[in-house]
Amino acid sequence: MSQLKIYNTLARDKQVFVPKVAGKVGMYVCGMTVYDYCHVGHARMMMAFDVVYRWLLASGYEVEYVRNITDIDDKIIKRAVENGETIGSLTGRFVQYMDEDTAALGILPPTVVPRATEYVPQMLSIIGKLEQKGLAYKTEDGDVNYAVRGFDGYGKLSGKSLDDLRAGERVDVNTGKRDPLDFVLWKAAKESEPLDAKWDSQWGQGRPGWHIECSAMSCATLGEHFDIHGGGADLQFPHHENEIAQSEGAFGAPMVNYWIHNGFVRVDNEKMSKSLGNFFTIRDVLKKYDAEVVRFFILRAHYRSPLNYSDVHIDDAKAALTRLYTALNGIELGNEPVSIDWDEAHARRVRDAMDDDFNTPLAVAALFDLAGEVNRTRSIDAARQLKALAAVLGLLERSPQAFLQAGSPDAGEGGLDEAAIQDAIARRAAAKAARDFAGADAIRKELTEAGIVLEDKADGTTWRRT
């Protein structure tokens, strides 16, 4: 039986996964900063770790999956003030939108969803420990900063040398800092900021810096040392590097055994950004495409590779997913849960692919080969195996007819509804019965032009959308 191997960013290599406690996994993933709608890049990150979570569960692990919510930071305060609303009102609304988007994409909810504002005491405790160890200091303007050069291991995750880092590239030079590389742990409150952005502390009123939030939430939920920490590749430096400095500096022990980072999203081979006008929210995408098609599109790429978003690629994903559903169409599988036969050849291929750093492209290739066998044999056992294996990836969980007959979300009022299609099928059947074959062919042609494909079978005519 294969062993799970994970590409560990810290080691820069694939490593056999050995959890701290046999049979149990603690995983922390940096989640959303909730002041706006989630975009395709967020979907890619959450999908990557949904796959990791699902595979760990399928492998028999008991998983404590923590994905945090950042509900206090500069952008949140600015947006709330602009809107004339409380911070809690703003963040609560966008948490709800995020949950709706992730549910639509079939992303399982984490087991724990901590919010930064609920863990300020734990953040203050860690900052206090860092100050006692000489790794934190208060500046003249009231901020509390981390003394980067006091931590020997700084740069080990990103591979960056302290001497190579230049302050102007990533921090605003602040005269209160001892070193331009130092970063803020506690921000002193400004008179202009709303009251719900201020907490009392031994250093005066203020609020936490972004990096300390995740150190505190991961420690509070999983302990000072845990198995897996994940997030987008853009978080590797400085956010995750700073988390290591904070946590290991405070507790004097390794923080995480395996660091996992997913790749970037590009749009038509250009980096996704608002300035380029190629920035898409999940909600915008789901107005145009079926949510499972979007999920399948993301899963066809390995989580560490760049994901190139384009209409052409999603249309191709739709056609491919349609082939999988078509293989199951017409086979009565029943409603009882189906267990996977892991000794079967295609299942072994899926397991080997997923155990090799969650290689979903190879796993999906095995699904297509199994679908080919289902098409050839119409075997109920093979069809059940296909459906069960796909479910591990969050795919093929609808009935084939529900998927094949679903219209595009952006079809609008112009598309034929089910009643109109069934009426046309009935009129065609009547025409054939009356031996009016030209009339029957004309009805089929009308339906074809409307994007409806008819399939005549011994027990009647079924239909699907192109």
Protein backbone atom coordinates (compact mmCIF):
# COMPACT_ATOMS: atom_id res chain seq x y z
CA MET A 1 0.00 0.00 0.00
CA SER A 2 1.31 3.46 -0.93
CA GLN A 3 2.31 6.04 1.66
CA LEU A 4 1.10 9.62 1.56
CA LYS A 5 3.84 12.01 0.48
CA ILE A 6 3.46 15.77 0.79
CA TYR A 7 5.57 18.49 -0.80
CA ASN A 8 6.84 20.35 2.26
CA THR A 9 7.76 23.95 1.40
CA LEU A 10 10.04 24.07 4.44
CA ALA A 11 12.06 21.06 3.24
CA ARG A 12 11.66 21.92 -0.49
CA ASP A 13 10.94 18.26 -1.17
CA LYS A 14 8.25 15.60 -0.98
CA GLN A 15 8.24 13.87 2.37
CA VAL A 16 6.39 10.85 3.73
CA PHE A 17 3.61 12.14 5.95
CA VAL A 18 3.92 11.04 9.57
CA PRO A 19 1.44 12.74 11.91
CA LYS A 20 2.42 13.78 15.41
CA VAL A 21 -0.27 11.48 16.82
CA ALA A 22 -1.00 8.24 14.94
CA GLY A 23 -4.36 8.39 13.16
CA LYS A 24 -4.91 12.10 13.86
CA VAL A 25 -4.08 15.23 11.89
CA GLY A 26 -4.12 18.88 12.90
CA MET A 27 -4.27 21.25 9.89
CA TYR A 28 -4.44 25.05 9.90
CA VAL A 29 -5.11 27.06 6.73
CA CYS A 30 -5.04 30.84 6.43
CA GLY A 31 -8.53 31.88 5.42
CA MET A 32 -10.33 34.98 4.22
CA THR A 33 -10.07 38.62 5.21
CA VAL A 34 -13.78 39.38 5.07
CA TYR A 35 -14.53 42.83 3.63
CA ASP A 36 -15.39 41.88 0.02
CA TYR A 37 -16.54 38.96 -2.10
CA CYS A 38 -14.25 35.95 -2.53
CA HIS A 39 -12.54 35.72 -5.92
CA VAL A 40 -11.26 32.88 -8.10
CA GLY A 41 -7.90 32.89 -6.33
CA HIS A 42 -9.65 32.31 -3.01
CA ALA A 43 -11.67 29.50 -4.59
CA ARG A 44 -8.45 27.86 -5.78
CA MET A 45 -6.93 28.03 -2.27
CA MET A 46 -10.03 26.70 -0.50
CA MET A 47 -10.45 23.96 -3.09
CA ALA A 48 -6.83 22.87 -2.72
CA PHE A 49 -7.21 22.32 1.00
CA ASP A 50 -10.70 20.86 0.61
CA VAL A 51 -9.01 18.14 -1.47
CA VAL A 52 -6.31 17.66 1.19
CA TYR A 53 -8.99 17.46 3.88
CA ARG A 54 -11.11 14.99 1.89
CA TRP A 55 -8.13 12.75 1.13
CA LEU A 56 -6.96 12.68 4.74
CA LEU A 57 -10.49 11.65 5.76
CA ALA A 58 -10.65 9.02 3.00
CA SER A 59 -7.30 7.69 4.23
CA GLY A 60 -8.80 7.06 7.65
CA TYR A 61 -7.40 10.00 9.59
CA GLU A 62 -9.33 11.92 12.22
CA VAL A 63 -8.78 15.50 11.08
CA GLU A 64 -9.03 18.75 13.01
CA TYR A 65 -9.22 21.22 10.14
CA VAL A 66 -8.96 24.88 11.15
CA ARG A 67 -9.47 27.69 8.61
CA ASN A 68 -9.51 31.12 10.19
CA ILE A 69 -11.38 34.31 9.40
CA THR A 70 -9.57 37.64 9.62
CA ASP A 71 -12.29 40.05 10.76
CA ILE A 72 -10.12 43.00 11.80
CA ASP A 73 -7.49 44.80 9.70
CA ASP A 74 -6.85 48.10 7.92
CA LYS A 75 -8.98 47.29 4.86
CA ILE A 76 -11.91 46.13 6.99
CA ILE A 77 -11.81 49.30 9.10
CA LYS A 78 -11.58 51.51 5.99
CA ARG A 79 -14.51 49.76 4.26
CA ALA A 80 -16.73 49.84 7.37
CA VAL A 81 -16.08 53.57 7.85
CA GLU A 82 -16.80 54.25 4.16
CA ASN A 83 -20.06 52.31 4.43
CA GLY A 84 -21.06 53.95 7.70
CA GLU A 85 -21.54 50.58 9.40
CA THR A 86 -20.00 48.62 12.23
CA ILE A 87 -17.10 46.29 11.63
CA GLY A 88 -19.21 43.36 12.86
CA SER A 89 -21.99 44.17 10.39
CA LEU A 90 -19.57 44.32 7.45
CA THR A 91 -17.63 41.17 8.31
CA GLY A 92 -20.74 39.19 9.24
CA ARG A 93 -22.27 39.88 5.83
CA PHE A 94 -19.19 38.79 3.90
CA VAL A 95 -18.73 35.67 6.03
CA GLN A 96 -22.25 34.68 4.98
CA TYR A 97 -21.43 35.33 1.31
CA MET A 98 -18.23 33.30 1.64
CA ASP A 99 -20.14 30.38 3.17
CA GLU A 100 -22.68 30.50 0.33
CA ASP A 101 -19.92 30.49 -2.30
CA THR A 102 -17.98 27.62 -0.74
CA ALA A 103 -21.14 25.54 -0.28
CA ALA A 104 -22.00 26.02 -3.96
CA LEU A 105 -18.53 24.75 -4.94
CA GLY A 106 -18.87 21.67 -2.74
CA ILE A 107 -16.14 22.82 -0.34
CA LEU A 108 -16.62 21.09 3.01
CA PRO A 109 -16.77 23.34 6.06
CA PRO A 110 -13.69 23.15 8.32
CA THR A 111 -14.12 21.59 11.75
CA VAL A 112 -13.12 24.87 13.45
CA VAL A 113 -13.52 28.42 12.08
CA PRO A 114 -11.89 30.86 14.52
CA ARG A 115 -12.36 34.61 14.08
CA ALA A 116 -9.45 36.88 14.89
CA THR A 117 -11.52 39.19 17.09
CA GLU A 118 -12.30 36.24 19.39
CA TYR A 119 -8.61 35.57 20.12
CA VAL A 120 -7.16 38.97 21.04
CA PRO A 121 -6.26 37.82 24.61
CA GLN A 122 -4.23 34.93 23.16
CA MET A 123 -2.48 37.36 20.80
CA LEU A 124 -1.59 39.64 23.70
CA SER A 125 -0.23 36.66 25.63
CA ILE A 126 2.14 35.69 22.78
CA ILE A 127 3.29 39.30 22.34
CA GLY A 128 4.03 39.41 26.07
CA LYS A 129 6.16 36.26 25.81
CA LEU A 130 8.06 37.75 22.87
CA GLU A 131 8.71 40.95 24.78
CA GLN A 132 10.04 38.98 27.77
CA LYS A 133 12.45 37.18 25.43
CA GLY A 134 13.67 40.38 23.84
CA LEU A 135 11.93 39.66 20.54
CA ALA A 136 9.33 42.44 20.82
CA TYR A 137 9.61 46.10 21.74
CA LYS A 138 7.35 49.13 21.96
CA THR A 139 8.08 52.10 19.71
CA GLU A 140 7.66 55.80 20.43
CA ASP A 141 4.38 55.90 18.50
CA GLY A 142 2.90 53.10 20.64
CA ASP A 143 3.20 50.19 18.21
CA VAL A 144 4.79 46.92 19.35
CA ASN A 145 7.18 45.42 16.78
CA TYR A 146 8.91 42.09 16.31
CA ALA A 147 12.72 42.24 16.33
CA VAL A 148 13.46 40.10 13.27
CA ARG A 149 17.24 39.92 13.68
CA GLY A 150 16.78 38.46 17.17
CA PHE A 151 15.29 35.26 15.70
CA ASP A 152 18.00 33.02 14.23
CA GLY A 153 15.71 31.01 11.96
CA TYR A 154 14.16 33.92 10.05
CA GLY A 155 14.04 33.15 6.33
CA LYS A 156 14.09 29.34 6.57
CA LEU A 157 10.64 28.90 4.98
CA SER A 158 11.08 31.32 2.11
CA GLY A 159 14.81 30.80 1.66
CA LYS A 160 15.38 34.54 1.92
CA SER A 161 18.51 35.93 3.54
CA LEU A 162 18.17 38.83 5.96
CA ASP A 163 20.97 40.64 4.18
CA ASP A 164 19.16 40.32 0.86
CA LEU A 165 15.89 41.75 2.13
CA ARG A 166 15.31 45.43 1.48
CA ALA A 167 12.82 47.30 3.59
CA GLY A 168 11.43 49.42 0.79
CA GLU A 169 10.13 46.35 -1.03
CA ARG A 170 7.81 45.16 1.69
CA VAL A 171 7.51 47.54 4.66
CA ASP A 172 7.04 51.25 5.22
CA VAL A 173 10.15 52.56 6.90
CA ASN A 174 9.15 53.74 10.36
CA THR A 175 11.54 55.83 12.45
CA GLY A 176 10.34 54.00 15.57
CA LYS A 177 11.71 50.69 14.31
CA ARG A 178 15.07 49.39 15.39
CA ASP A 179 15.48 47.68 12.04
CA PRO A 180 13.55 48.28 8.78
CA LEU A 181 12.85 44.50 8.59
CA ASP A 182 10.90 44.48 11.86
CA PHE A 183 7.12 44.03 11.59
CA VAL A 184 4.21 45.14 13.73
CA LEU A 185 2.62 42.87 16.34
CA TRP A 186 0.31 45.44 17.97
CA LYS A 187 -0.90 48.65 16.33
CA ALA A 188 -1.55 51.63 18.55
CA ALA A 189 -5.08 52.98 18.21
CA LYS A 190 -5.71 56.19 16.27
CA GLU A 191 -8.29 58.70 17.46
CA SER A 192 -9.97 58.59 14.05
CA GLU A 193 -10.60 54.82 14.22
CA PRO A 194 -13.96 53.47 15.41
CA LEU A 195 -14.31 52.12 18.93
CA ASP A 196 -14.94 48.56 17.70
CA ALA A 197 -11.41 48.56 16.23
CA LYS A 198 -9.77 49.11 19.63
CA TRP A 199 -8.81 46.74 22.45
CA ASP A 200 -7.14 47.45 25.77
CA SER A 201 -3.64 46.08 26.37
CA GLN A 202 -0.63 46.61 28.60
CA TRP A 203 0.85 48.69 25.74
CA GLY A 204 -2.24 50.89 25.47
CA GLN A 205 -5.33 50.72 23.26
CA GLY A 206 -4.84 49.21 19.85
CA ARG A 207 -5.43 46.16 17.69
CA PRO A 208 -3.39 43.17 16.52
CA GLY A 209 -1.18 43.06 13.47
CA TRP A 210 -2.17 40.55 10.80
CA HIS A 211 0.64 38.05 11.35
CA ILE A 212 0.10 37.57 15.10
CA GLU A 213 -3.54 36.65 14.50
CA CYS A 214 -2.70 33.33 12.88
CA SER A 215 0.00 32.43 15.41
CA ALA A 216 -2.54 32.90 18.20
CA MET A 217 -5.45 31.13 16.49
CA SER A 218 -3.40 28.11 15.37
CA CYS A 219 -1.87 27.70 18.83
CA ALA A 220 -5.23 28.07 20.58
CA THR A 221 -6.97 25.50 18.35
CA LEU A 222 -4.20 22.99 17.53
CA GLY A 223 -1.45 23.61 20.06
CA GLU A 224 2.04 25.08 19.87
CA HIS A 225 3.19 22.30 17.48
CA PHE A 226 0.93 20.72 14.83
CA ASP A 227 1.05 18.75 11.59
CA ILE A 228 0.08 20.88 8.58
CA HIS A 229 -0.11 24.59 7.85
CA GLY A 230 -1.36 25.76 4.46
CA GLY A 231 -2.25 28.74 2.33
CA GLY A 232 -1.65 30.41 -0.99
CA ALA A 233 1.89 30.76 -2.36
CA ASP A 234 1.63 34.52 -1.85
CA LEU A 235 1.50 33.95 1.93
CA GLN A 236 4.79 32.06 2.11
CA PHE A 237 6.60 35.36 2.62
CA PRO A 238 6.21 37.41 4.69
CA HIS A 239 3.07 36.10 6.42
CA HIS A 240 4.05 32.48 7.08
CA GLU A 241 7.68 33.40 7.67
CA ASN A 242 6.50 35.85 10.33
CA GLU A 243 4.19 33.26 11.88
CA ILE A 244 7.16 30.94 12.38
CA ALA A 245 9.21 33.74 13.92
CA GLN A 246 6.39 34.62 16.32
CA SER A 247 5.35 31.12 17.36
CA GLU A 248 8.80 29.55 17.56
CA GLY A 249 10.20 32.68 19.14
CA ALA A 250 7.52 32.64 21.84
CA PHE A 251 7.43 28.91 22.57
CA GLY A 252 10.98 27.83 21.73
CA ALA A 253 9.95 24.79 19.68
CA PRO A 254 9.07 23.91 16.05
CA MET A 255 5.66 25.19 15.01
CA VAL A 256 4.65 23.05 12.01
CA ASN A 257 5.91 19.81 10.45
CA TYR A 258 4.56 20.25 6.90
CA TRP A 259 3.98 23.55 5.09
CA ILE A 260 1.73 23.34 2.00
CA HIS A 261 1.24 26.17 -0.53
CA ASN A 262 -1.05 26.24 -3.56
CA GLY A 263 -0.18 27.92 -6.84
CA PHE A 264 -1.41 31.20 -8.31
CA VAL A 265 -4.36 31.81 -10.63
CA ARG A 266 -3.70 33.40 -14.00
CA VAL A 267 -6.33 34.68 -16.44
CA ASP A 268 -5.60 33.98 -20.10
CA ASN A 269 -1.93 33.55 -19.07
CA GLU A 270 -1.79 36.91 -17.27
CA LYS A 271 -1.71 37.42 -13.51
CA MET A 272 -5.20 38.03 -12.13
CA SER A 273 -5.51 41.58 -10.82
CA LYS A 274 -8.09 44.35 -10.52
CA SER A 275 -5.79 46.77 -12.36
CA LEU A 276 -5.78 44.53 -15.45
CA GLY A 277 -9.55 44.18 -15.39
CA ASN A 278 -9.33 40.37 -15.30
CA PHE A 279 -10.47 39.95 -11.70
CA PHE A 280 -13.44 37.62 -11.14
CA THR A 281 -15.41 36.94 -7.98
CA ILE A 282 -16.76 33.46 -7.35
CA ARG A 283 -20.26 34.93 -7.61
CA ASP A 284 -19.55 36.35 -11.06
CA VAL A 285 -18.21 33.01 -12.27
CA LEU A 286 -21.16 31.03 -10.87
CA LYS A 287 -23.60 33.29 -12.72
CA LYS A 288 -22.09 31.94 -15.93
CA TYR A 289 -20.97 28.40 -15.12
CA ASP A 290 -22.29 25.40 -13.23
CA ALA A 291 -20.56 25.20 -9.83
CA GLU A 292 -19.48 21.58 -10.29
CA VAL A 293 -17.94 22.47 -13.65
CA VAL A 294 -15.89 25.16 -11.90
CA ARG A 295 -14.87 22.66 -9.22
CA PHE A 296 -13.84 20.13 -11.87
CA PHE A 297 -11.88 22.80 -13.77
CA ILE A 298 -9.85 23.60 -10.65
CA LEU A 299 -9.26 19.93 -9.79
CA ARG A 300 -7.85 19.13 -13.23
CA ALA A 301 -4.72 21.11 -12.33
CA HIS A 302 -2.29 20.05 -9.61
CA TYR A 303 -2.71 22.30 -6.58
CA ARG A 304 0.92 23.54 -6.70
CA SER A 305 0.86 24.42 -10.41
CA PRO A 306 -0.42 27.73 -11.86
CA LEU A 307 -4.12 27.62 -12.76
CA ASN A 308 -4.95 29.39 -16.02
CA TYR A 309 -8.53 30.64 -15.89
CA SER A 310 -10.26 31.18 -19.24
CA ASP A 311 -13.66 30.56 -20.80
CA VAL A 312 -12.07 28.05 -23.18
CA HIS A 313 -10.66 25.99 -20.31
CA ILE A 314 -13.92 26.01 -18.37
CA ASP A 315 -15.90 25.05 -21.47
CA ASP A 316 -13.48 22.16 -21.95
CA ALA A 317 -13.98 21.16 -18.31
CA LYS A 318 -17.74 21.18 -18.85
CA ALA A 319 -17.44 18.88 -21.86
CA ALA A 320 -15.17 16.52 -19.92
CA LEU A 321 -17.41 16.40 -16.84
CA THR A 322 -20.36 15.74 -19.16
CA ARG A 323 -18.56 12.63 -20.45
CA LEU A 324 -18.25 11.29 -16.88
CA TYR A 325 -21.93 11.89 -16.14
CA THR A 326 -22.95 10.42 -19.50
CA ALA A 327 -21.14 7.19 -18.61
CA LEU A 328 -23.39 6.84 -15.54
CA ASN A 329 -26.56 7.91 -17.33
CA GLY A 330 -29.17 5.17 -17.59
CA ILE A 331 -27.57 2.88 -15.00
CA GLU A 332 -29.70 2.36 -11.90
CA LEU A 333 -27.31 2.65 -8.96
CA GLY A 334 -29.75 2.82 -6.06
CA ASN A 335 -29.53 5.23 -3.13
CA GLU A 336 -27.54 3.16 -0.65
CA PRO A 337 -23.97 4.31 0.15
CA VAL A 338 -21.29 2.57 -1.90
CA SER A 339 -17.94 1.69 -0.37
CA ILE A 340 -14.83 1.83 -2.54
CA ASP A 341 -13.05 -1.38 -3.50
CA TRP A 342 -9.48 -0.14 -3.04
CA ASP A 343 -8.08 -3.38 -4.48
CA GLU A 344 -9.67 -2.63 -7.87
CA ALA A 345 -7.19 -1.38 -10.49
CA HIS A 346 -8.66 2.11 -11.04
CA ALA A 347 -9.03 2.69 -7.30
CA ARG A 348 -5.37 1.77 -6.79
CA ARG A 349 -4.44 4.36 -9.41
CA VAL A 350 -6.54 7.01 -7.66
CA ARG A 351 -4.97 6.13 -4.32
CA ASP A 352 -1.44 6.18 -5.71
CA ALA A 353 -2.08 9.55 -7.39
CA MET A 354 -3.55 11.16 -4.29
CA ASP A 355 -0.83 9.73 -2.06
CA ASP A 356 1.70 11.41 -4.35
CA ASP A 357 1.18 14.98 -3.07
CA PHE A 358 -2.56 15.01 -3.86
CA ASN A 359 -2.12 14.60 -7.62
CA THR A 360 -5.69 15.24 -8.77
CA PRO A 361 -4.87 15.31 -12.53
CA LEU A 362 -3.71 11.68 -12.37
CA ALA A 363 -6.66 10.73 -10.18
CA VAL A 364 -9.07 12.31 -12.69
CA ALA A 365 -7.35 10.42 -15.54
CA ALA A 366 -8.10 7.16 -13.70
CA LEU A 367 -11.76 8.22 -13.43
CA PHE A 368 -11.96 8.70 -17.20
CA ASP A 369 -10.48 5.28 -17.86
CA LEU A 370 -13.03 3.75 -15.47
CA ALA A 371 -15.79 5.71 -17.24
CA GLY A 372 -14.63 4.13 -20.49
CA GLU A 373 -15.07 0.70 -18.94
CA VAL A 374 -18.56 1.66 -17.77
CA ASN A 375 -19.44 2.76 -21.30
CA ARG A 376 -18.20 -0.53 -22.74
CA THR A 377 -19.68 -2.93 -20.19
CA ARG A 378 -22.59 -1.00 -18.60
CA SER A 379 -21.49 -2.76 -15.41
CA ILE A 380 -23.36 -1.64 -12.29
CA ASP A 381 -20.34 -2.49 -10.11
CA ALA A 382 -18.02 -0.41 -12.29
CA ALA A 383 -20.50 2.48 -12.31
CA ARG A 384 -20.79 2.38 -8.52
CA GLN A 385 -17.01 2.34 -8.22
CA LEU A 386 -16.78 5.37 -10.52
CA LYS A 387 -19.34 7.32 -8.53
CA ALA A 388 -17.72 6.44 -5.19
CA LEU A 389 -14.19 7.33 -6.34
CA ALA A 390 -15.37 10.62 -7.83
CA ALA A 391 -17.12 11.47 -4.56
CA VAL A 392 -13.73 11.44 -2.81
CA LEU A 393 -12.97 14.52 -4.94
CA GLY A 394 -16.43 15.99 -4.46
CA LEU A 395 -17.57 15.08 -7.99
CA LEU A 396 -20.49 13.18 -9.60
CA GLU A 397 -22.67 13.60 -6.53
CA ARG A 398 -25.78 14.57 -8.53
CA SER A 399 -27.88 12.21 -10.57
CA PRO A 400 -26.74 12.10 -14.20
CA GLN A 401 -30.06 13.48 -15.40
CA ALA A 402 -29.89 16.39 -12.94
CA PHE A 403 -26.50 17.41 -14.36
CA LEU A 404 -27.18 16.67 -18.01
CA GLN A 405 -30.52 18.48 -18.02
CA ALA A 406 -29.32 21.52 -16.06
CA GLY A 407 -29.13 24.70 -18.08
CA SER A 408 -26.25 27.15 -17.88
CA PRO A 409 -26.74 29.66 -15.05
CA ASP A 410 -26.61 32.53 -17.58
CA ALA A 411 -29.12 30.92 -20.00
CA GLY A 412 -31.78 33.41 -18.92
CA GLU A 413 -35.34 33.26 -20.17
CA GLY A 414 -34.36 32.30 -23.70
CA GLY A 415 -33.67 28.66 -22.98
CA LEU A 416 -36.35 25.97 -23.14
CA ASP A 417 -37.63 24.82 -19.76
CA GLU A 418 -38.34 21.18 -18.94
CA ALA A 419 -42.10 21.47 -19.62
CA ALA A 420 -41.48 22.84 -23.11
CA ILE A 421 -38.96 20.10 -23.84
CA GLN A 422 -41.28 17.34 -22.64
CA ASP A 423 -44.11 18.82 -24.76
CA ALA A 424 -41.84 18.75 -27.83
CA ILE A 425 -40.87 15.12 -27.09
CA ALA A 426 -44.55 14.20 -26.83
CA ARG A 427 -45.36 15.96 -30.12
CA ARG A 428 -42.47 14.17 -31.80
CA ALA A 429 -43.68 10.80 -30.47
CA ALA A 430 -47.18 11.54 -31.82
CA ALA A 431 -45.73 12.49 -35.20
CA LYS A 432 -43.75 9.25 -35.37
CA ALA A 433 -46.83 7.25 -34.39
CA ALA A 434 -48.72 8.93 -37.24
CA ARG A 435 -45.78 8.06 -39.55
CA ASP A 436 -45.10 11.77 -40.04
CA PHE A 437 -41.36 11.25 -39.97
CA ALA A 438 -40.59 14.60 -41.58
CA GLY A 439 -42.51 16.35 -38.79
CA ALA A 440 -40.71 14.27 -36.14
CA ASP A 441 -37.33 15.15 -37.68
CA ALA A 442 -38.29 18.83 -37.74
CA ILE A 443 -39.05 18.76 -34.00
CA ARG A 444 -35.71 17.06 -33.27
CA LYS A 445 -33.95 19.71 -35.36
CA GLU A 446 -35.69 22.53 -33.45
CA LEU A 447 -34.60 20.99 -30.16
CA THR A 448 -31.04 20.50 -31.40
CA GLU A 449 -30.85 24.15 -32.40
CA ALA A 450 -32.08 25.05 -28.90
CA GLY A 451 -29.23 23.02 -27.37
CA ILE A 452 -31.28 19.92 -26.53
CA VAL A 453 -30.03 16.45 -27.51
CA LEU A 454 -32.58 13.61 -27.69
CA GLU A 455 -31.64 10.00 -27.01
CA ASP A 456 -34.14 7.34 -28.10
CA LYS A 457 -34.08 4.20 -25.96
CA ALA A 458 -36.20 1.07 -25.68
CA ASP A 459 -38.14 2.51 -22.73
CA GLY A 460 -38.65 5.97 -24.23
CA THR A 461 -36.81 9.17 -25.14
CA THR A 462 -34.51 11.03 -22.75
CA TRP A 463 -32.84 14.38 -23.25
CA ARG A 464 -29.85 16.42 -22.17
CA ARG A 465 -28.51 19.87 -22.81
CA THR A 466 -25.39 20.37 -24.91
